[in-house]
N, C-alpha and C. Protein backbone atom coordinates (compact mmCIF):
# COMPACT_ATOMS: atom_id res chain seq x y z
N MET A 1 -11.40 14.59 3.70
CA MET A 1 -11.53 13.18 3.41
C MET A 1 -10.13 12.59 3.22
N SER A 2 -9.92 11.40 3.74
CA SER A 2 -8.65 10.70 3.58
C SER A 2 -8.53 10.16 2.17
N ARG A 3 -7.29 10.05 1.70
CA ARG A 3 -7.04 9.58 0.34
C ARG A 3 -6.05 8.42 0.39
N ALA A 4 -6.41 7.29 -0.26
CA ALA A 4 -5.57 6.09 -0.26
C ALA A 4 -5.23 5.68 -1.69
N LEU A 5 -4.08 5.00 -1.82
CA LEU A 5 -3.66 4.42 -3.09
C LEU A 5 -3.39 2.95 -2.85
N VAL A 6 -4.04 2.09 -3.63
CA VAL A 6 -3.87 0.64 -3.54
C VAL A 6 -3.10 0.19 -4.77
N VAL A 7 -1.97 -0.51 -4.54
CA VAL A 7 -1.10 -0.94 -5.63
C VAL A 7 -0.95 -2.45 -5.58
N ASP A 8 -1.42 -3.11 -6.63
CA ASP A 8 -1.30 -4.57 -6.72
C ASP A 8 -1.43 -4.95 -8.18
N ASP A 9 -0.64 -5.92 -8.62
CA ASP A 9 -0.74 -6.35 -10.01
C ASP A 9 -1.92 -7.29 -10.25
N GLU A 10 -2.61 -7.68 -9.19
CA GLU A 10 -3.81 -8.51 -9.32
C GLU A 10 -5.05 -7.61 -9.24
N LEU A 11 -5.81 -7.61 -10.31
CA LEU A 11 -7.02 -6.77 -10.39
C LEU A 11 -7.98 -7.05 -9.24
N SER A 12 -8.19 -8.32 -8.91
CA SER A 12 -9.15 -8.66 -7.85
C SER A 12 -8.73 -8.07 -6.51
N MET A 13 -7.44 -8.06 -6.22
CA MET A 13 -6.97 -7.47 -4.96
C MET A 13 -7.18 -5.96 -4.96
N ARG A 14 -6.84 -5.30 -6.08
CA ARG A 14 -7.03 -3.84 -6.16
C ARG A 14 -8.49 -3.47 -5.94
N MET A 15 -9.36 -4.19 -6.60
CA MET A 15 -10.78 -3.85 -6.53
C MET A 15 -11.37 -4.15 -5.16
N THR A 16 -11.01 -5.28 -4.57
CA THR A 16 -11.55 -5.66 -3.26
C THR A 16 -11.11 -4.69 -2.17
N ILE A 17 -9.81 -4.43 -2.11
CA ILE A 17 -9.30 -3.53 -1.07
C ILE A 17 -9.86 -2.13 -1.25
N SER A 18 -9.87 -1.63 -2.48
CA SER A 18 -10.37 -0.27 -2.69
C SER A 18 -11.86 -0.16 -2.35
N GLU A 19 -12.63 -1.19 -2.61
CA GLU A 19 -14.05 -1.15 -2.27
C GLU A 19 -14.26 -1.08 -0.75
N PHE A 20 -13.48 -1.86 0.00
CA PHE A 20 -13.59 -1.79 1.46
C PHE A 20 -13.24 -0.39 1.97
N LEU A 21 -12.21 0.20 1.41
CA LEU A 21 -11.81 1.56 1.84
C LEU A 21 -12.89 2.58 1.49
N ARG A 22 -13.45 2.48 0.30
CA ARG A 22 -14.51 3.43 -0.10
C ARG A 22 -15.73 3.31 0.80
N ARG A 23 -16.06 2.09 1.21
CA ARG A 23 -17.20 1.90 2.12
C ARG A 23 -16.97 2.61 3.45
N ASP A 24 -15.70 2.77 3.82
CA ASP A 24 -15.37 3.48 5.06
C ASP A 24 -15.18 4.98 4.83
N GLY A 25 -15.54 5.46 3.63
CA GLY A 25 -15.48 6.89 3.36
C GLY A 25 -14.12 7.40 2.96
N ILE A 26 -13.23 6.51 2.56
CA ILE A 26 -11.89 6.92 2.14
C ILE A 26 -11.85 7.00 0.62
N GLU A 27 -11.42 8.15 0.11
CA GLU A 27 -11.24 8.31 -1.34
C GLU A 27 -10.10 7.38 -1.75
N CYS A 28 -10.31 6.60 -2.80
CA CYS A 28 -9.34 5.57 -3.12
C CYS A 28 -9.04 5.51 -4.61
N ASP A 29 -7.74 5.48 -4.93
CA ASP A 29 -7.28 5.26 -6.30
C ASP A 29 -6.54 3.93 -6.33
N VAL A 30 -6.39 3.37 -7.54
CA VAL A 30 -5.68 2.11 -7.69
C VAL A 30 -4.61 2.24 -8.76
N ALA A 31 -3.55 1.44 -8.60
CA ALA A 31 -2.48 1.37 -9.59
C ALA A 31 -2.10 -0.10 -9.75
N GLU A 32 -1.77 -0.48 -10.99
CA GLU A 32 -1.45 -1.89 -11.23
C GLU A 32 0.04 -2.19 -11.11
N ASN A 33 0.87 -1.15 -10.94
CA ASN A 33 2.29 -1.38 -10.73
C ASN A 33 2.90 -0.18 -10.00
N ALA A 34 4.13 -0.36 -9.55
CA ALA A 34 4.79 0.67 -8.75
C ALA A 34 5.10 1.93 -9.55
N HIS A 35 5.45 1.77 -10.82
CA HIS A 35 5.75 2.95 -11.64
C HIS A 35 4.51 3.83 -11.80
N GLN A 36 3.38 3.21 -12.06
CA GLN A 36 2.13 3.96 -12.16
C GLN A 36 1.81 4.64 -10.82
N ALA A 37 2.06 3.94 -9.73
CA ALA A 37 1.81 4.51 -8.40
C ALA A 37 2.68 5.74 -8.14
N LEU A 38 3.95 5.67 -8.52
CA LEU A 38 4.83 6.84 -8.33
C LEU A 38 4.35 8.03 -9.13
N ASP A 39 3.90 7.80 -10.36
CA ASP A 39 3.34 8.89 -11.16
C ASP A 39 2.13 9.51 -10.47
N MET A 40 1.31 8.67 -9.86
CA MET A 40 0.11 9.16 -9.17
C MET A 40 0.49 9.94 -7.91
N PHE A 41 1.53 9.51 -7.22
CA PHE A 41 1.99 10.20 -6.01
C PHE A 41 2.43 11.62 -6.31
N VAL A 42 2.94 11.85 -7.51
CA VAL A 42 3.35 13.19 -7.91
C VAL A 42 2.14 14.10 -8.07
N LEU A 43 1.02 13.52 -8.51
CA LEU A 43 -0.18 14.30 -8.79
C LEU A 43 -1.07 14.53 -7.57
N LYS A 44 -1.06 13.61 -6.62
CA LYS A 44 -1.93 13.71 -5.45
C LYS A 44 -1.15 13.44 -4.18
N ASP A 45 -1.67 13.96 -3.10
CA ASP A 45 -1.08 13.73 -1.80
C ASP A 45 -1.90 12.64 -1.10
N TYR A 46 -1.33 11.44 -0.99
CA TYR A 46 -2.03 10.31 -0.38
C TYR A 46 -1.69 10.20 1.10
N ASP A 47 -2.70 9.83 1.89
CA ASP A 47 -2.53 9.61 3.32
C ASP A 47 -2.16 8.16 3.63
N LEU A 48 -2.54 7.25 2.72
CA LEU A 48 -2.37 5.82 2.94
C LEU A 48 -1.96 5.14 1.65
N LEU A 49 -0.95 4.27 1.75
CA LEU A 49 -0.52 3.44 0.62
C LEU A 49 -0.62 1.99 1.06
N ILE A 50 -1.34 1.20 0.28
CA ILE A 50 -1.40 -0.25 0.49
C ILE A 50 -0.78 -0.87 -0.75
N THR A 51 0.33 -1.60 -0.57
CA THR A 51 1.03 -2.13 -1.72
C THR A 51 1.41 -3.59 -1.58
N ASP A 52 1.28 -4.30 -2.68
CA ASP A 52 1.79 -5.66 -2.79
C ASP A 52 3.31 -5.57 -2.82
N VAL A 53 4.01 -6.65 -2.53
CA VAL A 53 5.46 -6.65 -2.60
C VAL A 53 5.94 -7.13 -3.96
N VAL A 54 5.46 -8.28 -4.40
CA VAL A 54 5.96 -8.87 -5.65
C VAL A 54 5.14 -8.34 -6.82
N MET A 55 5.81 -7.46 -7.59
CA MET A 55 5.19 -6.89 -8.79
C MET A 55 6.27 -6.79 -9.87
N PRO A 56 5.86 -6.73 -11.13
CA PRO A 56 6.86 -6.61 -12.21
C PRO A 56 7.61 -5.28 -12.14
N ARG A 57 8.88 -5.31 -12.50
CA ARG A 57 9.76 -4.16 -12.69
C ARG A 57 10.17 -3.43 -11.42
N MET A 58 9.32 -3.30 -10.43
CA MET A 58 9.67 -2.64 -9.17
C MET A 58 8.83 -3.26 -8.06
N THR A 59 9.49 -3.65 -6.97
CA THR A 59 8.76 -4.27 -5.86
C THR A 59 8.04 -3.23 -5.02
N GLY A 60 7.14 -3.71 -4.19
CA GLY A 60 6.45 -2.83 -3.26
C GLY A 60 7.40 -2.24 -2.23
N ILE A 61 8.45 -2.98 -1.87
CA ILE A 61 9.45 -2.45 -0.93
C ILE A 61 10.19 -1.28 -1.58
N GLU A 62 10.58 -1.42 -2.84
CA GLU A 62 11.24 -0.32 -3.55
C GLU A 62 10.30 0.87 -3.67
N LEU A 63 9.03 0.60 -3.93
CA LEU A 63 8.04 1.68 -3.99
C LEU A 63 7.96 2.40 -2.65
N MET A 64 7.91 1.63 -1.57
CA MET A 64 7.83 2.22 -0.25
C MET A 64 9.05 3.11 0.03
N GLU A 65 10.23 2.67 -0.38
CA GLU A 65 11.45 3.47 -0.20
C GLU A 65 11.31 4.81 -0.92
N LYS A 66 10.81 4.79 -2.15
CA LYS A 66 10.67 6.02 -2.94
C LYS A 66 9.59 6.93 -2.36
N VAL A 67 8.50 6.34 -1.88
CA VAL A 67 7.44 7.14 -1.27
C VAL A 67 7.95 7.83 -0.02
N ARG A 68 8.74 7.13 0.79
CA ARG A 68 9.29 7.72 2.01
C ARG A 68 10.19 8.91 1.71
N GLU A 69 10.82 8.94 0.54
CA GLU A 69 11.66 10.06 0.16
C GLU A 69 10.85 11.33 -0.05
N VAL A 70 9.59 11.19 -0.47
CA VAL A 70 8.77 12.37 -0.77
C VAL A 70 7.66 12.61 0.25
N ASN A 71 7.30 11.60 1.04
CA ASN A 71 6.19 11.76 1.99
C ASN A 71 6.45 10.89 3.22
N GLN A 72 7.02 11.47 4.24
CA GLN A 72 7.31 10.75 5.48
C GLN A 72 6.06 10.42 6.28
N ASP A 73 4.98 11.17 6.06
CA ASP A 73 3.78 11.01 6.87
C ASP A 73 2.79 9.99 6.33
N CYS A 74 2.96 9.54 5.11
CA CYS A 74 2.03 8.59 4.51
C CYS A 74 2.07 7.27 5.28
N LYS A 75 0.90 6.78 5.67
CA LYS A 75 0.81 5.47 6.31
C LYS A 75 0.97 4.42 5.21
N ILE A 76 1.72 3.35 5.50
CA ILE A 76 1.99 2.32 4.50
C ILE A 76 1.67 0.94 5.06
N ILE A 77 0.89 0.19 4.30
CA ILE A 77 0.60 -1.20 4.63
C ILE A 77 1.18 -2.07 3.52
N ILE A 78 2.03 -3.01 3.89
CA ILE A 78 2.62 -3.96 2.95
C ILE A 78 1.74 -5.20 2.94
N LEU A 79 1.39 -5.66 1.75
CA LEU A 79 0.55 -6.85 1.58
C LEU A 79 1.29 -7.78 0.64
N THR A 80 1.58 -9.01 1.09
CA THR A 80 2.37 -9.90 0.25
C THR A 80 1.91 -11.34 0.30
N GLY A 81 2.02 -11.99 -0.84
CA GLY A 81 1.73 -13.42 -0.93
C GLY A 81 2.96 -14.26 -0.68
N GLU A 82 4.12 -13.61 -0.58
CA GLU A 82 5.38 -14.30 -0.34
C GLU A 82 6.14 -13.63 0.81
N PRO A 83 5.63 -13.77 2.03
CA PRO A 83 6.30 -13.11 3.16
C PRO A 83 7.65 -13.77 3.45
N THR A 84 8.66 -12.94 3.62
CA THR A 84 10.00 -13.44 3.97
C THR A 84 10.56 -12.57 5.08
N ILE A 85 11.58 -13.06 5.72
CA ILE A 85 12.25 -12.28 6.76
C ILE A 85 12.83 -11.00 6.15
N ASP A 86 13.42 -11.12 4.95
CA ASP A 86 14.03 -9.96 4.30
C ASP A 86 13.01 -8.85 4.03
N THR A 87 11.84 -9.22 3.48
CA THR A 87 10.85 -8.17 3.20
C THR A 87 10.29 -7.59 4.50
N ALA A 88 10.14 -8.42 5.52
CA ALA A 88 9.65 -7.91 6.80
C ALA A 88 10.65 -6.91 7.41
N VAL A 89 11.94 -7.25 7.34
CA VAL A 89 12.97 -6.36 7.88
C VAL A 89 12.99 -5.05 7.11
N ARG A 90 12.93 -5.13 5.79
CA ARG A 90 12.96 -3.89 4.99
C ARG A 90 11.70 -3.07 5.22
N ALA A 91 10.56 -3.73 5.42
CA ALA A 91 9.33 -3.00 5.73
C ALA A 91 9.47 -2.21 7.03
N VAL A 92 10.08 -2.83 8.01
CA VAL A 92 10.31 -2.15 9.29
C VAL A 92 11.30 -1.00 9.11
N GLN A 93 12.37 -1.23 8.33
CA GLN A 93 13.38 -0.19 8.10
C GLN A 93 12.76 1.07 7.50
N TYR A 94 11.81 0.89 6.60
CA TYR A 94 11.18 2.03 5.94
C TYR A 94 9.86 2.41 6.60
N GLN A 95 9.68 1.98 7.82
CA GLN A 95 8.58 2.41 8.69
C GLN A 95 7.19 2.07 8.14
N ALA A 96 7.04 0.84 7.66
CA ALA A 96 5.70 0.40 7.29
C ALA A 96 4.84 0.37 8.55
N ASN A 97 3.57 0.70 8.40
CA ASN A 97 2.67 0.71 9.53
C ASN A 97 2.05 -0.66 9.80
N ASP A 98 2.07 -1.52 8.77
CA ASP A 98 1.56 -2.88 8.94
C ASP A 98 2.13 -3.75 7.84
N TYR A 99 2.18 -5.04 8.10
CA TYR A 99 2.75 -6.03 7.16
C TYR A 99 1.82 -7.23 7.21
N MET A 100 1.12 -7.50 6.12
CA MET A 100 0.12 -8.57 6.10
C MET A 100 0.43 -9.57 5.00
N ALA A 101 0.19 -10.84 5.31
CA ALA A 101 0.41 -11.90 4.33
C ALA A 101 -0.90 -12.23 3.62
N LYS A 102 -0.80 -12.49 2.30
CA LYS A 102 -1.95 -12.98 1.53
C LYS A 102 -1.94 -14.50 1.63
N PRO A 103 -3.03 -15.18 1.53
CA PRO A 103 -4.36 -14.57 1.54
C PRO A 103 -4.71 -14.08 2.94
N VAL A 104 -5.45 -13.03 2.97
CA VAL A 104 -5.90 -12.50 4.25
C VAL A 104 -7.02 -13.40 4.71
N THR A 105 -6.79 -14.10 5.84
CA THR A 105 -7.76 -15.09 6.29
C THR A 105 -8.71 -14.56 7.36
N SER A 106 -8.39 -13.43 7.92
CA SER A 106 -9.29 -12.82 8.88
C SER A 106 -9.19 -11.31 8.72
N VAL A 107 -10.23 -10.66 9.07
CA VAL A 107 -10.25 -9.22 8.95
C VAL A 107 -9.86 -8.63 10.30
N ARG A 108 -8.78 -7.87 10.30
CA ARG A 108 -8.35 -7.18 11.51
C ARG A 108 -8.91 -5.78 11.46
N PRO A 109 -9.37 -5.27 12.56
CA PRO A 109 -9.83 -3.88 12.54
C PRO A 109 -8.66 -2.96 12.26
N PHE A 110 -8.86 -2.02 11.35
CA PHE A 110 -7.82 -1.05 11.03
C PHE A 110 -8.42 0.32 11.24
N THR A 111 -7.84 1.06 12.11
CA THR A 111 -8.30 2.41 12.36
C THR A 111 -7.30 3.36 11.76
N TYR A 112 -7.75 4.09 10.76
CA TYR A 112 -6.88 5.05 10.11
C TYR A 112 -7.14 6.43 10.66
N CYS A 113 -6.11 7.05 11.13
CA CYS A 113 -6.21 8.41 11.67
C CYS A 113 -5.41 9.33 10.76
N PRO A 114 -6.06 10.16 9.96
CA PRO A 114 -5.33 11.06 9.08
C PRO A 114 -4.45 12.01 9.86
N PRO A 115 -3.32 12.43 9.22
CA PRO A 115 -2.41 13.36 9.91
C PRO A 115 -3.07 14.69 10.20
């Protein structure tokens, strides 16, 4: 079974995204900030990380950088309410698999293929 971690400081986003993933048979954990997510990454091997960019104390881009140091194979989706050229460039630099702006106004099909 695939394992995903959803990181967002907004409870409604964490719950909505994780519910969609669970409906597709993906085991899903949630974290409310990047520090909590890093602690969870030490305990479990995640196949997919979905993270917000703007969060207190550590951004989703910084989280992605740290995750890449320990897991090159993890698929990463950046989700942000404040898309900028800088965050898009950094997402590409750290090999994000997708970059989506909030609010998500349409559902794009996402096919996850575990390693």
